[in-house]
């Protein structure tokens, strides 16, 4: 059974940083592109970033580029999302997702095979 488990969320002050982790079990991690999405209160889920199988290609949502960094460690079957300069608009549930496909041109249109349960990030003073 494939499982994606996110961690690292919590309460952070504006301007702060956070690193989210997504540990994957039950399949060959290196066979999947890994992505992060988020759902802010009252909003639809939105794409944040995606990284390809080997970790040498990444794509970011234009509005978040520069503040978020996606990475992966295939030896640990873990994907990461490092964020900095957080602001209250970044408050959301953050989800990781896995897909056999990697589409740099349309990453949010890709069918993601597996999803985590989400981790809450709250940015507030």
N, C-alpha and C. Protein backbone atom coordinates (compact mmCIF):
# COMPACT_ATOMS: atom_id res chain seq x y z
N UNK A 1 0.84 -1.18 0.00
CA UNK A 1 0.00 0.00 0.00
C UNK A 1 0.89 1.25 0.00
N UNK A 2 0.61 2.14 -0.93
CA UNK A 2 1.41 3.36 -1.04
C UNK A 2 0.92 4.37 -0.02
N UNK A 3 1.88 4.95 0.67
CA UNK A 3 1.54 5.99 1.65
C UNK A 3 2.46 7.18 1.47
N UNK A 4 1.87 8.37 1.55
CA UNK A 4 2.62 9.62 1.56
C UNK A 4 2.28 10.31 2.88
N UNK A 5 3.28 10.61 3.66
CA UNK A 5 3.04 11.21 4.97
C UNK A 5 3.82 12.51 5.08
N UNK A 6 3.07 13.61 5.18
CA UNK A 6 3.70 14.92 5.31
C UNK A 6 3.95 15.25 6.78
N UNK A 7 4.94 16.07 7.00
CA UNK A 7 5.22 16.56 8.34
C UNK A 7 5.94 17.89 8.22
N UNK A 8 6.09 18.57 9.36
CA UNK A 8 6.83 19.82 9.37
C UNK A 8 5.98 21.07 9.41
N UNK A 9 4.67 20.90 9.33
CA UNK A 9 3.80 22.06 9.40
C UNK A 9 3.73 22.59 10.82
N UNK A 10 3.07 23.74 10.96
CA UNK A 10 2.92 24.34 12.27
C UNK A 10 2.67 25.82 12.17
N UNK A 11 2.83 26.48 13.29
CA UNK A 11 2.64 27.92 13.36
C UNK A 11 3.99 28.62 13.21
N UNK A 12 4.03 29.58 12.32
CA UNK A 12 5.26 30.33 12.07
C UNK A 12 4.92 31.81 11.97
N UNK A 13 5.82 32.64 12.41
CA UNK A 13 5.59 34.08 12.36
C UNK A 13 5.83 34.61 10.95
N UNK A 14 5.18 35.69 10.59
CA UNK A 14 5.45 36.30 9.28
C UNK A 14 6.93 36.57 9.10
N UNK A 15 7.42 36.26 7.92
CA UNK A 15 8.84 36.40 7.64
C UNK A 15 9.65 35.17 7.96
N UNK A 16 9.02 34.20 8.59
CA UNK A 16 9.71 32.99 9.00
C UNK A 16 9.86 31.97 7.90
N UNK A 17 10.50 30.86 8.27
CA UNK A 17 10.78 29.78 7.32
C UNK A 17 10.24 28.47 7.87
N UNK A 18 10.07 27.53 6.96
CA UNK A 18 9.57 26.21 7.34
C UNK A 18 10.04 25.21 6.30
N UNK A 19 10.31 23.99 6.74
CA UNK A 19 10.61 22.92 5.79
C UNK A 19 9.62 21.79 6.01
N UNK A 20 8.89 21.50 4.98
CA UNK A 20 7.95 20.39 5.01
C UNK A 20 8.62 19.15 4.43
N UNK A 21 8.26 18.00 4.96
CA UNK A 21 8.77 16.73 4.46
C UNK A 21 7.62 15.83 4.04
N UNK A 22 7.89 14.99 3.08
CA UNK A 22 6.90 14.01 2.62
C UNK A 22 7.63 12.68 2.47
N UNK A 23 7.36 11.78 3.38
CA UNK A 23 7.98 10.45 3.32
C UNK A 23 7.06 9.50 2.59
N UNK A 24 7.61 8.79 1.64
CA UNK A 24 6.82 7.89 0.80
C UNK A 24 7.21 6.44 1.06
N UNK A 25 6.22 5.60 1.16
CA UNK A 25 6.47 4.17 1.32
C UNK A 25 5.53 3.40 0.41
N UNK A 26 5.93 2.18 0.09
CA UNK A 26 5.05 1.30 -0.67
C UNK A 26 5.26 1.31 -2.16
N UNK A 27 6.14 2.17 -2.67
CA UNK A 27 6.47 2.08 -4.09
C UNK A 27 7.88 2.59 -4.31
N UNK A 28 8.36 2.42 -5.51
CA UNK A 28 9.71 2.87 -5.83
C UNK A 28 9.70 4.38 -5.97
N UNK A 29 10.22 5.03 -4.96
CA UNK A 29 10.13 6.50 -4.88
C UNK A 29 10.71 7.16 -6.12
N UNK A 30 11.82 6.64 -6.60
CA UNK A 30 12.51 7.29 -7.72
C UNK A 30 11.77 7.15 -9.04
N UNK A 31 10.69 6.40 -9.06
CA UNK A 31 9.88 6.26 -10.28
C UNK A 31 8.83 7.35 -10.40
N UNK A 32 8.71 8.17 -9.41
CA UNK A 32 7.63 9.16 -9.36
C UNK A 32 8.18 10.58 -9.27
N UNK A 33 7.58 11.46 -10.06
CA UNK A 33 7.75 12.88 -9.84
C UNK A 33 6.95 13.24 -8.59
N UNK A 34 7.48 14.20 -7.84
CA UNK A 34 6.82 14.59 -6.59
C UNK A 34 6.42 16.05 -6.66
N UNK A 35 5.25 16.33 -6.16
CA UNK A 35 4.74 17.70 -6.21
C UNK A 35 4.19 18.11 -4.85
N UNK A 36 4.11 19.42 -4.69
CA UNK A 36 3.44 20.00 -3.53
C UNK A 36 2.29 20.88 -4.03
N UNK A 37 1.18 20.75 -3.36
CA UNK A 37 0.02 21.60 -3.58
C UNK A 37 -0.37 22.21 -2.23
N UNK A 38 -1.22 23.20 -2.29
CA UNK A 38 -1.73 23.75 -1.04
C UNK A 38 -3.19 24.18 -1.23
N UNK A 39 -3.90 24.22 -0.13
CA UNK A 39 -5.28 24.70 -0.16
C UNK A 39 -5.44 25.72 0.96
N UNK A 40 -5.58 26.96 0.55
CA UNK A 40 -5.77 28.03 1.52
C UNK A 40 -7.23 28.09 1.93
N UNK A 41 -7.52 28.67 3.09
CA UNK A 41 -8.91 28.72 3.58
C UNK A 41 -9.84 29.37 2.56
N UNK A 42 -10.89 28.68 2.22
CA UNK A 42 -11.88 29.22 1.29
C UNK A 42 -11.46 29.23 -0.16
N UNK A 43 -10.30 28.64 -0.47
CA UNK A 43 -9.80 28.65 -1.85
C UNK A 43 -9.70 27.21 -2.37
N UNK A 44 -9.57 27.10 -3.67
CA UNK A 44 -9.34 25.80 -4.27
C UNK A 44 -7.88 25.39 -4.09
N UNK A 45 -7.66 24.12 -4.19
CA UNK A 45 -6.29 23.62 -4.10
C UNK A 45 -5.47 24.19 -5.26
N UNK A 46 -4.23 24.56 -4.98
CA UNK A 46 -3.39 25.15 -6.01
C UNK A 46 -2.01 24.49 -6.03
N UNK A 47 -1.44 24.51 -7.19
CA UNK A 47 -0.12 23.93 -7.41
C UNK A 47 0.95 24.82 -6.80
N UNK A 48 1.93 24.21 -6.16
CA UNK A 48 3.06 24.95 -5.59
C UNK A 48 4.34 24.66 -6.37
N UNK A 49 4.72 23.38 -6.45
CA UNK A 49 5.98 23.02 -7.10
C UNK A 49 5.99 21.54 -7.42
N UNK A 50 6.85 21.18 -8.38
CA UNK A 50 7.02 19.77 -8.73
C UNK A 50 8.49 19.53 -9.04
N UNK A 51 8.95 18.33 -8.77
CA UNK A 51 10.33 17.93 -9.05
C UNK A 51 10.31 16.60 -9.78
N UNK A 52 11.20 16.45 -10.75
CA UNK A 52 11.18 15.21 -11.54
C UNK A 52 11.82 14.06 -10.78
N UNK A 53 11.91 12.92 -11.44
CA UNK A 53 12.32 11.68 -10.79
C UNK A 53 13.73 11.75 -10.21
N UNK A 54 14.62 12.41 -10.95
CA UNK A 54 16.02 12.44 -10.52
C UNK A 54 16.36 13.69 -9.71
N UNK A 55 15.44 14.63 -9.68
CA UNK A 55 15.68 15.82 -8.89
C UNK A 55 16.42 16.93 -9.60
N UNK A 56 16.64 16.79 -10.90
CA UNK A 56 17.40 17.83 -11.60
C UNK A 56 16.52 18.80 -12.38
N UNK A 57 15.20 18.63 -12.29
CA UNK A 57 14.29 19.59 -12.91
C UNK A 57 13.18 19.93 -11.95
N UNK A 58 12.91 21.20 -11.83
CA UNK A 58 11.84 21.66 -10.95
C UNK A 58 10.98 22.70 -11.66
N UNK A 59 9.75 22.79 -11.24
CA UNK A 59 8.83 23.80 -11.76
C UNK A 59 8.08 24.39 -10.58
N UNK A 60 7.90 25.71 -10.60
CA UNK A 60 7.21 26.38 -9.51
C UNK A 60 6.04 27.20 -10.04
N UNK A 61 5.05 27.38 -9.16
CA UNK A 61 3.99 28.35 -9.47
C UNK A 61 4.65 29.72 -9.58
N UNK A 62 4.28 30.47 -10.58
CA UNK A 62 4.92 31.76 -10.82
C UNK A 62 4.85 32.67 -9.60
N UNK A 63 3.72 32.67 -8.93
CA UNK A 63 3.53 33.58 -7.81
C UNK A 63 4.36 33.20 -6.59
N UNK A 64 4.88 31.97 -6.57
CA UNK A 64 5.62 31.49 -5.41
C UNK A 64 7.11 31.33 -5.68
N UNK A 65 7.48 31.51 -6.93
CA UNK A 65 8.87 31.32 -7.30
C UNK A 65 9.78 32.25 -6.51
N UNK A 66 10.85 31.69 -6.00
CA UNK A 66 11.80 32.49 -5.23
C UNK A 66 11.65 32.35 -3.74
N UNK A 67 10.47 31.95 -3.28
CA UNK A 67 10.27 31.78 -1.84
C UNK A 67 10.15 30.33 -1.43
N UNK A 68 9.91 29.47 -2.39
CA UNK A 68 9.76 28.05 -2.11
C UNK A 68 10.79 27.26 -2.90
N UNK A 69 11.31 26.22 -2.29
CA UNK A 69 12.27 25.35 -2.96
C UNK A 69 11.88 23.90 -2.73
N UNK A 70 11.68 23.18 -3.81
CA UNK A 70 11.36 21.76 -3.71
C UNK A 70 12.63 20.95 -3.94
N UNK A 71 12.76 19.86 -3.22
CA UNK A 71 13.91 18.98 -3.39
C UNK A 71 13.48 17.56 -3.02
N UNK A 72 14.37 16.63 -3.26
CA UNK A 72 14.07 15.24 -2.92
C UNK A 72 15.36 14.51 -2.59
N UNK A 73 15.21 13.47 -1.80
CA UNK A 73 16.32 12.59 -1.46
C UNK A 73 15.81 11.18 -1.75
N UNK A 74 16.22 10.63 -2.89
CA UNK A 74 15.71 9.32 -3.28
C UNK A 74 16.17 8.22 -2.34
N UNK A 75 17.32 8.40 -1.72
CA UNK A 75 17.80 7.39 -0.77
C UNK A 75 16.92 7.33 0.47
N UNK A 76 16.27 8.42 0.79
CA UNK A 76 15.40 8.47 1.96
C UNK A 76 13.93 8.43 1.60
N UNK A 77 13.63 8.33 0.29
CA UNK A 77 12.23 8.31 -0.18
C UNK A 77 11.46 9.50 0.38
N UNK A 78 12.08 10.64 0.33
CA UNK A 78 11.50 11.83 0.93
C UNK A 78 11.59 13.02 -0.02
N UNK A 79 10.50 13.76 -0.08
CA UNK A 79 10.47 15.02 -0.80
C UNK A 79 10.34 16.14 0.22
N UNK A 80 10.88 17.31 -0.14
CA UNK A 80 10.88 18.43 0.79
C UNK A 80 10.32 19.68 0.10
N UNK A 81 9.81 20.56 0.93
CA UNK A 81 9.43 21.89 0.45
C UNK A 81 9.93 22.89 1.47
N UNK A 82 10.96 23.61 1.08
CA UNK A 82 11.53 24.64 1.94
C UNK A 82 10.88 25.97 1.57
N UNK A 83 10.44 26.70 2.56
CA UNK A 83 9.82 27.99 2.31
C UNK A 83 10.46 29.04 3.20
N UNK A 84 10.50 30.27 2.71
CA UNK A 84 10.98 31.37 3.53
C UNK A 84 10.20 32.62 3.20
N UNK A 85 10.41 33.64 4.02
CA UNK A 85 9.66 34.90 3.87
C UNK A 85 8.17 34.64 3.84
N UNK A 86 7.72 33.76 4.72
CA UNK A 86 6.31 33.41 4.74
C UNK A 86 5.46 34.59 5.18
N UNK A 87 4.26 34.65 4.64
CA UNK A 87 3.31 35.68 5.04
C UNK A 87 1.96 35.02 5.30
N UNK A 88 1.03 35.74 5.90
CA UNK A 88 -0.26 35.13 6.25
C UNK A 88 -0.99 34.51 5.05
N UNK A 89 -0.73 35.01 3.85
CA UNK A 89 -1.37 34.44 2.65
C UNK A 89 -0.87 33.03 2.36
N UNK A 90 0.20 32.64 3.00
CA UNK A 90 0.72 31.27 2.82
C UNK A 90 0.06 30.27 3.76
N UNK A 91 -0.78 30.75 4.64
CA UNK A 91 -1.52 29.84 5.53
C UNK A 91 -2.37 28.90 4.70
N UNK A 92 -2.17 27.60 4.90
CA UNK A 92 -2.84 26.61 4.06
C UNK A 92 -2.55 25.22 4.59
N UNK A 93 -3.29 24.25 4.07
CA UNK A 93 -2.91 22.85 4.22
C UNK A 93 -2.07 22.50 3.01
N UNK A 94 -0.89 21.97 3.27
CA UNK A 94 0.04 21.63 2.21
C UNK A 94 0.03 20.11 2.01
N UNK A 95 -0.11 19.72 0.74
CA UNK A 95 -0.19 18.31 0.38
C UNK A 95 0.96 17.94 -0.54
N UNK A 96 1.50 16.76 -0.36
CA UNK A 96 2.42 16.24 -1.37
C UNK A 96 1.68 15.21 -2.22
N UNK A 97 2.15 15.03 -3.43
CA UNK A 97 1.52 14.13 -4.37
C UNK A 97 2.58 13.49 -5.25
N UNK A 98 2.28 12.29 -5.75
CA UNK A 98 3.22 11.56 -6.58
C UNK A 98 2.58 11.22 -7.91
N UNK A 99 3.39 11.34 -8.96
CA UNK A 99 2.91 11.01 -10.29
C UNK A 99 4.01 10.35 -11.10
N UNK A 100 3.64 9.42 -11.97
CA UNK A 100 4.63 8.82 -12.87
C UNK A 100 4.98 9.78 -14.01
N UNK A 101 4.18 10.81 -14.17
CA UNK A 101 4.41 11.76 -15.25
C UNK A 101 5.02 13.04 -14.72
N UNK A 102 5.84 13.65 -15.56
CA UNK A 102 6.40 14.97 -15.24
C UNK A 102 6.17 15.86 -16.44
N UNK A 103 5.39 16.91 -16.23
CA UNK A 103 5.06 17.80 -17.33
C UNK A 103 5.43 19.23 -16.95
N UNK A 104 6.60 19.68 -17.32
CA UNK A 104 7.03 21.03 -16.94
C UNK A 104 6.08 22.13 -17.45
N UNK A 105 5.45 21.87 -18.59
CA UNK A 105 4.60 22.90 -19.19
C UNK A 105 3.25 23.02 -18.48
N UNK A 106 2.78 21.92 -17.93
CA UNK A 106 1.45 21.93 -17.30
C UNK A 106 1.44 21.04 -16.06
N UNK A 107 2.21 21.38 -15.06
CA UNK A 107 2.34 20.48 -13.91
C UNK A 107 1.06 20.27 -13.13
N UNK A 108 0.16 21.23 -13.14
CA UNK A 108 -1.07 21.06 -12.38
C UNK A 108 -2.10 20.25 -13.14
N UNK A 109 -1.84 19.96 -14.40
CA UNK A 109 -2.77 19.16 -15.20
C UNK A 109 -2.44 17.69 -15.18
N UNK A 110 -1.31 17.36 -14.63
CA UNK A 110 -0.89 15.97 -14.56
C UNK A 110 -1.78 15.20 -13.59
N UNK A 111 -2.02 13.95 -13.90
CA UNK A 111 -2.77 13.09 -12.99
C UNK A 111 -1.84 12.59 -11.90
N UNK A 112 -2.13 12.93 -10.68
CA UNK A 112 -1.31 12.49 -9.57
C UNK A 112 -1.92 11.23 -8.97
N UNK A 113 -1.09 10.21 -8.88
CA UNK A 113 -1.58 8.90 -8.48
C UNK A 113 -1.82 8.78 -6.99
N UNK A 114 -1.01 9.44 -6.22
CA UNK A 114 -1.11 9.31 -4.76
C UNK A 114 -0.99 10.69 -4.10
N UNK A 115 -1.69 10.81 -2.97
CA UNK A 115 -1.69 12.05 -2.21
C UNK A 115 -1.48 11.76 -0.73
N UNK A 116 -0.83 12.72 -0.08
CA UNK A 116 -0.73 12.65 1.37
C UNK A 116 -1.97 13.23 2.02
N UNK A 117 -1.99 13.18 3.34
CA UNK A 117 -3.15 13.64 4.09
C UNK A 117 -3.09 15.14 4.37
N UNK A 118 -1.93 15.74 4.13
CA UNK A 118 -1.80 17.17 4.33
C UNK A 118 -1.20 17.54 5.67
N UNK A 119 -0.53 18.68 5.68
CA UNK A 119 0.01 19.23 6.92
C UNK A 119 -0.33 20.72 6.96
N UNK A 120 -0.80 21.17 8.09
CA UNK A 120 -1.27 22.54 8.23
C UNK A 120 -0.12 23.48 8.49
N UNK A 121 -0.09 24.57 7.75
CA UNK A 121 0.86 25.66 7.98
C UNK A 121 0.05 26.91 8.28
N UNK A 122 0.35 27.52 9.40
CA UNK A 122 -0.33 28.77 9.78
C UNK A 122 0.72 29.85 9.98
N UNK A 123 0.56 30.94 9.27
CA UNK A 123 1.50 32.06 9.38
C UNK A 123 0.78 33.21 10.09
N UNK A 124 1.23 33.47 11.29
CA UNK A 124 0.54 34.48 12.09
C UNK A 124 1.46 34.97 13.19
N UNK A 125 1.26 36.22 13.57
CA UNK A 125 2.01 36.77 14.70
C UNK A 125 1.21 36.61 15.99
